[in-house]
Protein backbone atom coordinates (compact mmCIF):
# COMPACT_ATOMS: atom_id res chain seq x y z
CA MET A 1 79.31 80.97 83.69
CA SER A 2 82.08 82.67 81.69
CA GLN A 3 84.62 84.94 83.32
CA HIS A 4 83.27 87.81 81.19
CA ALA A 5 79.75 87.20 82.49
CA ARG A 6 80.97 87.01 86.09
CA ARG A 7 82.79 90.28 85.63
CA ARG A 8 79.64 91.95 84.26
CA ILE A 9 77.68 90.72 87.28
CA GLY A 10 80.41 92.01 89.59
CA VAL A 11 80.35 95.41 87.92
CA VAL A 12 76.55 95.59 88.22
CA ILE A 13 76.80 94.76 91.93
CA ALA A 14 79.48 97.40 92.40
CA LEU A 15 77.44 100.02 90.56
CA ALA A 16 74.34 99.20 92.59
CA ALA A 17 76.28 99.56 95.82
CA THR A 18 77.81 102.79 94.59
CA VAL A 19 74.47 104.32 93.68
CA ALA A 20 72.90 103.17 96.94
CA VAL A 21 75.52 104.62 99.23
CA GLY A 22 77.44 107.22 97.31
CA VAL A 23 75.01 109.43 95.37
CA ALA A 24 74.30 112.78 97.01
CA LEU A 25 70.86 113.33 98.48
CA ALA A 26 70.05 116.32 96.27
CA ALA A 27 71.90 117.36 93.14
CA PRO A 28 71.20 120.10 90.59
CA ALA A 29 70.41 119.11 87.03
CA ASN A 30 73.85 120.10 85.72
CA ALA A 31 75.74 117.96 88.27
CA GLY A 32 77.16 114.78 86.79
CA ASN A 33 77.80 111.31 88.21
CA HIS A 34 80.96 109.84 86.73
CA TYR A 35 81.84 106.13 86.95
CA PHE A 36 85.32 104.65 86.65
CA MET A 37 85.30 100.89 86.32
CA ASP A 38 89.06 100.25 86.21
CA PHE A 39 89.92 98.05 89.22
CA GLY A 40 93.64 98.75 88.93
CA ASN A 41 95.37 95.49 87.99
CA THR A 42 98.93 96.81 87.77
CA PRO A 43 101.07 97.48 90.87
CA VAL A 44 103.18 100.58 91.27
CA LYS A 45 106.82 100.04 90.31
CA GLN A 46 108.73 98.80 93.36
CA ALA A 47 111.65 100.63 94.92
CA ASP A 48 115.22 99.49 94.40
CA CYS A 49 116.40 99.04 97.97
CA GLY A 50 119.83 100.42 98.77
CA PRO A 51 122.39 99.66 101.52
CA GLY A 52 121.00 99.29 105.03
CA SER A 53 117.61 98.08 103.81
CA SER A 54 115.73 95.11 105.22
CA PRO A 55 113.12 94.58 102.52
CA GLU A 56 109.78 92.82 102.54
CA THR A 57 109.92 89.08 102.01
CA GLY A 58 106.86 88.59 99.78
CA LEU A 59 104.44 90.66 97.73
CA SER A 60 104.94 94.41 98.06
CA GLY A 61 102.98 95.64 101.07
CA ASP A 62 102.43 92.16 102.48
CA VAL A 63 103.47 90.85 105.88
CA PRO A 64 103.14 87.11 105.20
CA SER A 65 101.67 84.64 107.69
CA ALA A 66 105.06 82.98 108.09
CA ASP A 67 106.68 86.30 109.11
CA ARG A 68 103.87 87.07 111.54
CA ASN A 69 103.97 83.66 113.19
CA SER A 70 107.77 83.30 113.31
CA GLY A 71 108.34 86.74 114.81
CA ARG A 72 110.15 88.07 111.73
CA SER A 73 107.69 91.00 111.52
CA GLU A 74 108.77 92.15 115.00
CA ARG A 75 111.99 93.45 113.40
CA GLY A 76 110.09 95.51 110.83
CA TYR A 77 110.98 96.13 107.19
CA ASN A 78 112.63 99.09 105.52
CA CYS A 79 113.77 100.17 102.09
CA ASN A 80 115.73 103.41 101.64
CA MET A 81 114.28 104.68 104.94
CA THR A 82 115.65 104.47 108.46
CA LEU A 83 114.03 104.92 111.85
CA LEU A 84 115.57 107.83 113.79
CA GLY A 85 113.48 108.25 116.94
CA GLN A 86 110.26 107.32 118.68
CA ALA A 87 107.88 108.50 121.41
CA ARG A 88 105.53 105.60 121.97
CA GLY A 89 103.48 106.73 124.96
CA ALA A 90 100.22 104.77 125.24
CA GLY A 91 99.89 104.46 121.46
CA GLY A 92 99.45 106.76 118.50
CA GLY A 93 95.71 107.26 118.14
CA ILE A 94 94.37 107.53 114.59
CA VAL A 95 95.46 110.92 113.25
CA SER A 96 98.20 113.17 114.60
CA ALA A 97 99.19 116.69 113.53
CA ASN A 98 102.48 118.61 113.45
CA TYR A 99 103.63 122.20 113.76
CA ASP A 100 107.09 123.71 114.11
CA HIS A 101 109.18 121.33 116.28
CA CYS A 102 106.13 119.64 117.82
CA SER A 103 103.72 116.84 117.09
CA TYR A 104 100.27 116.30 118.61
CA THR A 105 99.13 112.71 119.11
CA GLY A 106 95.42 112.12 118.53
CA SER A 107 93.51 110.66 121.47
CA MET A 108 91.22 107.68 121.94
CA PHE A 109 88.33 107.74 124.41
CA SER A 110 89.78 104.71 126.16
CA THR A 111 92.54 106.87 127.69
CA ALA A 112 89.89 108.91 129.50
CA ILE A 113 88.74 105.66 131.10
CA THR A 114 92.16 104.24 131.96
CA LYS A 115 93.57 107.67 132.94
CA LYS A 116 96.80 106.72 131.13
CA ASN A 117 98.22 109.41 128.81
CA THR A 118 94.81 111.11 128.88
CA GLY A 119 93.99 113.55 126.09
CA VAL A 120 96.09 114.77 123.17
CA GLN A 121 99.80 114.30 123.83
CA VAL A 122 102.27 117.09 123.00
CA VAL A 123 105.55 115.70 121.62
CA ASP A 124 108.67 117.89 121.48
CA VAL A 125 110.80 116.93 118.46
CA LYS A 126 113.63 119.45 118.78
CA ASP A 127 115.91 116.42 118.71
CA PRO A 128 114.39 114.10 116.08
CA ARG A 129 116.40 111.21 117.49
CA LYS A 130 114.97 111.72 120.97
CA PRO A 131 111.37 112.99 120.71
CA LYS A 132 109.67 113.25 124.08
CA ILE A 133 106.16 113.78 125.42
CA VAL A 134 106.11 117.14 127.24
CA GLY A 135 102.44 117.84 127.88
CA LYS A 136 98.82 116.97 127.25
CA LEU A 137 95.67 118.78 126.13
CA THR A 138 92.57 117.96 128.14
CA ALA A 139 89.76 120.22 126.95
CA PRO A 140 86.53 118.22 126.34
CA GLY A 141 87.20 118.28 122.59
CA MET A 142 90.61 116.70 123.16
CA ILE A 143 90.08 114.25 125.98
CA ALA A 144 87.16 112.18 124.66
CA GLY A 145 88.85 110.95 121.49
CA THR A 146 89.75 113.09 118.48
CA TRP A 147 89.53 110.31 115.85
CA GLU A 148 90.32 111.96 112.45
CA THR A 149 89.55 115.55 113.47
CA LEU A 150 92.88 116.70 114.91
CA LYS A 151 94.35 119.16 112.40
CA VAL A 152 96.71 122.15 112.25
CA ASN A 153 96.44 125.35 110.23
CA LYS A 154 99.98 126.65 109.89
CA LYS A 155 98.94 130.03 108.51
CA ARG A 156 97.04 130.97 111.67
CA LYS A 157 99.06 128.75 114.02
CA LEU A 158 95.97 126.92 115.22
CA LEU A 159 95.31 123.34 116.36
CA ALA A 160 91.72 122.13 116.50
CA GLY A 161 89.78 118.94 117.07
CA THR A 162 86.41 117.61 118.14
CA SER A 163 85.17 114.95 120.51
CA VAL A 164 84.63 111.56 118.82
CA PRO A 165 84.33 108.83 121.47
CA LEU A 166 83.75 106.01 118.96
CA LEU A 167 83.40 106.44 115.16
CA TRP A 168 80.82 109.21 115.52
CA GLY A 169 80.55 112.09 117.92
CA GLY A 170 80.37 115.85 118.01
CA GLY A 171 79.42 118.85 120.05
CA PHE A 172 82.65 119.52 121.88
CA PHE A 173 85.20 121.57 119.94
CA ALA A 174 88.62 122.87 121.03
CA VAL A 175 90.88 125.43 119.35
CA TYR A 176 94.45 126.08 120.53
CA ASP A 177 97.00 128.77 119.77
CA ILE A 178 100.22 126.87 119.00
CA SER A 179 102.53 129.86 118.43
CA ASP A 180 104.58 128.30 121.21
CA CYS A 181 104.11 124.78 119.93
CA ALA A 182 105.20 122.97 123.10
CA HIS A 183 102.76 125.00 125.21
CA PRO A 184 99.42 125.24 123.34
CA LYS A 185 96.95 127.78 124.71
CA LEU A 186 93.23 126.96 124.66
CA LEU A 187 91.39 129.83 122.98
CA ASN A 188 87.68 128.97 123.20
CA THR A 189 87.50 128.84 126.98
CA GLY A 190 83.82 129.86 127.14
CA PRO A 191 80.65 127.94 126.22
CA GLY A 192 82.26 126.62 123.02
CA THR A 193 84.46 124.39 125.17
CA LYS A 194 82.09 123.35 127.93
CA VAL A 195 78.69 123.36 126.21
CA PRO A 196 78.22 121.26 123.04
CA LEU A 197 77.80 123.06 119.74
CA PRO A 198 75.18 121.64 117.32
CA PHE A 199 77.34 119.54 115.00
CA THR A 200 78.40 115.93 114.46
CA SER A 201 81.84 114.70 113.51
CA HIS A 202 84.04 111.79 112.62
CA GLU A 203 86.51 113.78 110.60
CA GLY A 204 87.41 117.45 110.39
CA GLY A 205 89.80 120.00 108.95
CA PHE A 206 90.45 123.65 108.17
CA SER A 207 89.73 125.74 105.14
CA PRO A 208 93.07 126.93 103.72
CA ASP A 209 92.72 130.42 105.22
CA GLY A 210 92.06 128.90 108.64
CA LYS A 211 88.81 130.83 109.20
CA THR A 212 86.48 127.83 108.84
CA TYR A 213 86.70 124.43 110.49
CA TRP A 214 84.64 121.80 108.69
CA ALA A 215 83.29 118.79 110.63
CA SER A 216 81.92 115.77 108.79
CA GLY A 217 79.78 113.20 110.58
CA LEU A 218 80.22 109.64 109.40
CA PHE A 219 76.49 108.89 109.21
CA PRO A 220 74.23 110.19 107.75
CA GLY A 221 76.70 112.36 105.81
CA HIS A 222 76.21 115.41 108.01
CA LEU A 223 78.54 118.30 107.15
CA SER A 224 79.01 121.42 109.30
CA ALA A 225 80.95 124.66 108.85
CA ILE A 226 82.22 126.24 112.07
CA ASP A 227 83.31 129.88 111.83
CA ILE A 228 86.57 130.39 113.72
CA SER A 229 87.41 133.84 112.36
CA ASP A 230 87.40 134.62 116.07
CA PRO A 231 88.75 131.37 117.54
CA THR A 232 87.67 132.43 121.02
CA ASN A 233 84.05 132.25 119.89
CA PRO A 234 83.45 129.42 117.36
CA ARG A 235 79.94 129.22 115.90
CA VAL A 236 78.20 126.92 113.44
CA ILE A 237 77.26 128.93 110.32
CA TRP A 238 76.07 126.23 107.90
CA GLN A 239 75.02 122.57 107.88
CA GLY A 240 73.78 120.07 105.33
CA LEU A 241 73.38 116.40 104.38
CA TYR A 242 75.38 115.36 101.32
CA ALA A 243 75.74 111.59 101.17
CA PHE A 244 74.71 108.40 102.90
CA VAL A 245 78.16 108.41 104.50
CA GLY A 246 80.27 111.53 104.89
CA HIS A 247 83.95 110.95 105.55
CA GLY A 248 87.07 113.03 104.98
CA PHE A 249 87.58 115.75 102.43
CA GLY A 250 89.99 118.00 100.61
CA ILE A 251 89.53 121.70 99.90
CA SER A 252 90.95 123.66 96.97
CA PRO A 253 93.54 126.34 97.91
CA ASP A 254 91.03 129.15 97.29
CA GLY A 255 88.60 127.57 99.76
CA ASN A 256 85.80 127.35 97.17
CA ARG A 257 85.62 123.65 96.31
CA MET A 258 85.34 120.60 98.56
CA TYR A 259 85.96 116.99 97.56
CA LEU A 260 83.87 115.17 100.18
CA SER A 261 84.60 111.46 100.60
CA ASN A 262 81.68 109.08 100.67
CA MET A 263 81.35 105.34 100.76
CA ALA A 264 82.25 104.67 97.14
CA GLY A 265 83.87 107.79 95.80
CA ILE A 266 83.77 111.58 96.05
CA THR A 267 81.03 114.20 96.08
CA VAL A 268 82.28 117.55 94.76
CA LEU A 269 80.71 120.59 96.47
CA ASP A 270 80.80 124.31 95.77
CA ILE A 271 81.48 125.85 99.20
CA SER A 272 82.28 129.35 97.92
CA ALA A 273 79.20 130.90 99.55
CA VAL A 274 80.40 129.73 102.97
CA GLN A 275 83.92 130.89 102.17
CA ARG A 276 82.53 134.37 101.27
CA ARG A 277 80.29 134.37 104.35
CA ASP A 278 77.11 134.96 102.37
CA PRO A 279 74.14 135.64 104.70
CA HIS A 280 72.24 132.46 103.72
CA PRO A 281 74.86 130.25 102.03
CA GLN A 282 73.94 127.47 99.63
CA VAL A 283 76.32 124.58 98.92
CA PRO A 284 75.55 123.09 95.49
CA HIS A 285 76.60 119.60 94.50
CA ILE A 286 78.82 120.01 91.40
CA ALA A 287 79.66 116.41 90.53
CA ALA A 288 80.29 112.95 91.92
CA TYR A 289 82.97 110.36 91.05
CA HIS A 290 82.41 106.68 91.77
CA TRP A 291 84.43 103.47 91.42
CA PRO A 292 83.89 99.83 92.45
CA ASP A 293 87.04 99.13 94.47
CA GLY A 294 87.88 101.01 97.64
CA GLN A 295 84.46 101.00 99.23
CA LEU A 296 85.25 103.78 101.73
CA ASN A 297 87.08 106.84 100.46
CA GLN A 298 89.22 108.54 103.12
CA HIS A 299 90.24 112.00 101.90
CA THR A 300 91.46 114.00 98.89
CA ILE A 301 94.50 116.20 98.25
CA PRO A 302 93.98 118.96 95.63
CA VAL A 303 97.26 119.67 93.79
CA PHE A 304 98.40 121.33 90.56
CA TYR A 305 100.80 120.26 87.82
CA ASP A 306 101.88 123.29 85.80
CA GLY A 307 98.73 125.08 86.93
CA HIS A 308 96.44 122.19 85.93
CA ALA A 309 94.14 120.91 88.71
CA TYR A 310 94.36 117.32 89.96
CA ALA A 311 92.88 115.48 92.92
CA ILE A 312 94.78 112.73 94.73
CA THR A 313 92.25 110.61 96.59
CA ILE A 314 92.78 107.73 99.01
CA ASP A 315 90.62 104.69 99.82
CA GLU A 316 90.84 103.19 103.30
CA ALA A 317 88.95 100.01 102.53
CA GLY A 318 88.55 97.52 99.73
CA SER A 319 92.15 97.70 98.50
CA GLY A 320 91.33 100.73 96.35
CA GLY A 321 94.75 102.28 96.91
CA VAL A 322 95.30 105.82 95.64
CA LYS A 323 93.66 107.35 92.57
CA ILE A 324 94.65 110.59 90.85
CA PHE A 325 92.08 112.46 88.79
CA ASP A 326 92.48 115.30 86.34
CA VAL A 327 89.81 117.73 87.63
CA GLU A 328 90.62 120.83 85.61
CA ARG A 329 87.13 120.41 84.16
CA VAL A 330 85.36 119.18 87.25
CA ASN A 331 82.41 117.69 85.37
CA LYS A 332 84.65 116.00 82.82
CA PRO A 333 87.14 114.25 85.12
CA LYS A 334 89.79 111.87 83.85
CA LEU A 335 91.48 109.08 85.78
CA ALA A 336 95.15 110.02 85.41
CA ALA A 337 96.88 107.38 87.58
CA GLN A 338 96.44 104.71 90.25
CA ILE A 339 98.79 103.54 92.98
CA LYS A 340 98.41 100.04 94.37
CA LEU A 341 100.86 97.72 96.06
CA GLU A 342 100.96 94.09 94.92
CA ILE A 343 98.96 93.01 97.97
CA ASN A 344 96.10 95.30 96.82
CA LEU A 345 95.63 93.81 93.37
CA PRO A 346 92.36 91.94 92.73
CA ALA A 347 94.27 88.74 91.93
CA ASN A 348 96.06 88.89 95.30
CA LEU A 349 93.09 89.45 97.60
CA ASP A 350 93.28 85.77 98.59
CA ALA A 351 96.87 86.30 99.79
CA ASN A 352 95.69 89.50 101.45
CA LEU A 353 93.11 87.63 103.52
CA ARG A 354 95.49 84.73 104.24
CA SER A 355 98.13 86.91 105.89
CA SER A 356 95.90 89.54 107.52
CA MET A 357 93.68 87.12 109.46
CA GLY A 358 94.20 87.64 113.17
CA GLY A 359 95.34 91.23 112.65
CA SER A 360 91.95 92.87 113.25
CA ILE A 361 89.50 94.86 111.10
CA PHE A 362 91.91 96.51 108.65
CA SER A 363 94.52 94.84 106.49
CA TYR A 364 96.58 96.58 103.78
CA ASN A 365 94.91 99.81 102.81
CA ALA A 366 96.12 103.34 102.32
CA HIS A 367 94.61 105.68 104.92
CA TYR A 368 96.04 109.21 104.99
CA CYS A 369 98.55 110.57 102.49
CA SER A 370 100.46 113.83 102.12
CA ALA A 371 102.07 115.51 99.12
CA ASP A 372 105.34 117.40 99.60
CA ARG A 373 103.86 120.59 98.08
CA ILE A 374 100.69 121.78 96.31
CA GLU A 375 102.28 123.08 93.11
CA ASN A 376 104.10 120.41 91.12
CA PRO A 377 104.42 117.87 93.95
CA THR A 378 107.38 115.54 93.67
CA ALA A 379 106.53 112.92 96.30
CA LEU A 380 103.55 111.39 98.06
CA ALA A 381 103.90 109.76 101.50
CA CYS A 382 101.14 107.50 102.80
CA GLY A 383 100.28 105.73 105.99
CA TRP A 384 99.34 102.34 104.48
CA GLU A 385 97.93 100.63 107.58
CA SER A 386 99.68 97.25 107.99
CA SER A 387 102.11 98.04 105.15
CA GLY A 388 103.77 100.92 107.05
CA ILE A 389 104.82 104.31 105.66
CA ARG A 390 105.18 104.26 101.86
CA VAL A 391 106.75 107.02 99.73
CA PHE A 392 106.19 107.45 95.98
CA ASP A 393 107.79 109.61 93.31
CA ILE A 394 104.86 111.43 91.64
CA LYS A 395 106.72 114.02 89.57
CA ASN A 396 105.48 112.33 86.39
CA LEU A 397 101.99 110.85 86.70
CA LYS A 398 102.75 108.42 83.88
CA LYS A 399 105.83 107.08 85.64
CA ILE A 400 104.89 106.86 89.33
CA ARG A 401 107.20 104.60 91.33
CA GLU A 402 107.78 103.75 94.95
CA ILE A 403 111.07 105.08 96.32
CA GLY A 404 111.05 103.89 99.92
CA TYR A 405 109.10 102.44 102.81
CA LEU A 406 109.38 101.70 106.50
CA ASN A 407 107.09 99.21 108.20
CA PRO A 408 108.03 99.60 111.87
CA PRO A 409 108.87 96.87 114.37
CA THR A 410 105.85 95.29 116.02
CA TYR A 411 104.80 94.29 119.51
CA ARG A 412 103.02 90.95 119.28
CA SER A 413 101.27 91.16 122.63
CA THR A 414 97.69 89.92 122.57
CA ASN A 415 96.71 92.14 125.51
CA PRO A 416 94.16 94.54 123.96
CA PHE A 417 94.45 96.99 126.86
CA GLY A 418 98.23 97.32 126.99
CA LEU A 419 98.17 100.41 124.75
CA PRO A 420 94.88 102.22 125.52
CA ASN A 421 95.56 104.97 122.95
CA SER A 422 96.12 102.50 120.10
CA PRO A 423 93.07 101.70 117.93
CA HIS A 424 94.96 98.63 116.68
CA ALA A 425 95.48 97.29 120.19
CA LEU A 426 91.82 97.81 121.04
CA GLY A 427 90.69 96.47 117.66
CA SER A 428 92.72 93.29 118.13
CA ILE A 429 89.80 91.93 120.15
CA ILE A 430 88.51 91.15 116.65
CA GLY A 431 90.77 89.05 114.44
CA VAL A 432 88.90 89.20 111.11
CA PRO A 433 89.81 91.86 108.48
CA ALA A 434 86.13 92.66 108.05
CA VAL A 435 86.48 95.70 105.79
CA GLU A 436 87.93 93.54 103.02
CA PHE A 437 84.99 91.20 102.52
CA MET A 438 83.04 93.32 100.04
CA SER A 439 86.03 93.62 97.69
CA LEU A 440 86.88 89.94 98.23
CA GLY A 441 83.33 88.93 97.28
CA MET A 442 83.36 91.18 94.24
CA GLN A 443 86.62 89.74 92.93
CA THR A 444 85.47 86.20 93.70
CA ILE A 445 82.52 86.80 91.37
CA ASN A 446 84.94 88.25 88.83
CA GLY A 447 87.00 85.06 88.94
CA LYS A 448 90.11 86.73 90.40
CA VAL A 449 90.15 85.08 93.82
CA ARG A 450 91.01 81.46 94.67
CA LEU A 451 89.29 81.01 98.01
CA HIS A 452 91.25 77.89 98.94
CA GLU A 453 94.43 79.99 98.79
CA ALA A 454 92.97 82.40 101.35
CA VAL A 455 93.11 79.65 103.97
CA GLY A 456 96.30 79.55 106.01
CA PRO A 457 97.84 79.06 109.45
CA ARG A 458 96.05 82.10 110.88
CA THR A 459 92.58 81.34 109.53
CA GLY A 460 91.20 80.35 112.92
CA MET A 461 92.14 83.67 114.57
CA ILE A 462 88.68 85.18 114.38
CA ALA A 463 88.95 86.76 117.84
CA LEU A 464 91.71 87.95 120.17
CA GLY A 465 94.18 88.56 117.38
CA ASP A 466 97.81 89.53 117.80
CA ARG A 467 99.67 92.69 116.81
CA SER A 468 102.17 91.15 114.42
CA THR A 469 101.85 94.28 112.28
CA ASP A 470 101.05 97.89 113.17
CA TRP A 471 98.46 100.27 111.73
CA CYS A 472 100.06 103.39 110.25
CA MET A 473 97.05 105.64 109.68
CA SER A 474 98.19 109.19 110.33
CA PRO A 475 99.32 111.55 107.53
CA PRO A 476 103.12 111.58 107.20
CA GLU A 477 104.84 114.96 107.05
CA PHE A 478 107.91 115.82 104.99
CA ARG A 479 110.66 117.68 106.88
CA GLY A 480 113.48 117.89 104.36
CA ASN A 481 114.61 114.27 104.07
CA GLN A 482 112.92 113.40 107.33
CA ILE A 483 109.40 112.07 107.55
CA TRP A 484 107.33 112.40 110.71
CA ALA A 485 104.39 110.04 111.21
CA THR A 486 102.40 108.26 113.90
CA CYS A 487 101.46 104.57 113.96
CA SER A 488 98.93 103.04 116.33
CA ASP A 489 101.19 100.77 118.40
CA ASN A 490 104.53 102.50 117.83
CA GLY A 491 103.35 106.05 118.54
CA PHE A 492 105.23 109.01 117.08
CA LEU A 493 108.11 108.17 114.72
CA THR A 494 110.83 110.17 113.01
CA MET A 495 112.31 108.58 109.89
CA GLU A 496 114.87 109.55 107.29
CA LEU A 497 114.48 109.00 103.56
CA SER A 498 117.72 108.31 101.72
CA LYS A 499 119.16 111.26 99.81
CA SER A 500 119.85 108.87 96.95
CA VAL A 501 116.12 108.56 96.22
CA TYR A 502 114.64 111.90 97.34
CA THR A 503 115.74 115.51 97.08
CA PRO A 504 113.44 117.96 98.89
CA PRO A 505 111.98 120.36 96.31
CA VAL A 506 112.13 124.12 96.56
CA GLY A 507 109.08 125.19 98.53
CA GLN A 508 108.56 121.83 100.23
CA ASP A 509 105.46 122.30 102.39
CA THR A 510 103.41 119.23 103.24
CA THR A 511 99.74 119.27 102.28
CA LEU A 512 97.08 116.67 103.11
CA GLY A 513 94.16 118.51 101.54
CA ASN A 514 92.28 119.67 104.64
CA SER A 515 95.02 121.36 106.60
CA ALA A 516 96.67 124.28 104.86
CA PRO A 517 100.45 124.30 104.40
């Protein structure tokens, strides 16, 4: 069979999977499904590492088997970024949030069992070189695992999250006043805290005005709008089913459009009726975008370049990397740019599998990203799972380049219970990077993968893996030249980006798409 024929078969398989899992359940006649078949075969331009750097030793983004086995990865890697301070605690959860001089570490349900660092941890970062844990939040919505729901709305000075014990949960919801960021005050102290509300969740976030908290359940794509105009009395005002899998999302600054992540792309929804508080709101499906790599979209960041609307969207599986769409005409989208590290390229998925075996379910995928402002963003910072925190210059979408990264030191312990608030530590019970196998199979059919090169010294580590890398999943936040982020094993980190590669823009105000700046 020719390579061209194999590629056609691979594309057909990808399209079939996309249609099966990504198409919305009900769409009006004028809603379009748009397919983008570019796998992204070109890596982003690598950073030129300046003095004080300790760069990666192989492909960009990779932590090779030799480095993992020799202990080299325990020292970490950095390029134009330095580590300032750390508050490790019992691990960093999945998603953390920041406000003023504080950071809030997302919780895992396992801490409620072990009673170690139970609930959401409050980190005081007045001194970025010496951040310290100063409190904990233990409402039912905080203590049972917040997964990807823990978000801040700066405008209203609110922190909110829901209970997600494992992948999927719901019911319990907590809203805190964080005007005094080190001493959050629980606002919904009545039934909304102690009696479950009728919603499901895996992910969540605010509308830009902070009056609606949206909760998305992983399966079966259940989406809920919770009115928190009065945060002491949250109430569910709308619900619907919009995809086979509902994941993260981004919301336009006016609160009228949602880019809802699904298993193979984005479903675009008109949520203006909920935003207006219409008596019986309808949420039409406007469009859907699909692509074959990146089989699980994570979230989207709506931004503008000279007033023109774009959507930066991130895939957490399948080495899809980051895609940027021109969405000024939402039903005539254009793929404007892609960001992939070398380890994410189709031709390098064999090397990806070779080095990531024994490191648990995830390998080298982007997870949560943040832009340094909504209007004319100049930089994008991403938690790139085992590749650390990566920062890209995105001033010109035709000339995107990486400007720095920090992949933190690791703790190779094989004890899965040593850090009960780390999903990576708990996940290390499994050694196989399972989320990569669909993309690996697709590119094997396309003739890009040499399976014999995927076999290496860690191939037998199918269970009880080590932690020779960390998972950096939480959205980084720009603070001038500092970047705040949380990684699973390392906990909360403060880092500094070299002034030689980044100048904070006027109006710097981090946005991640579902938490207003």
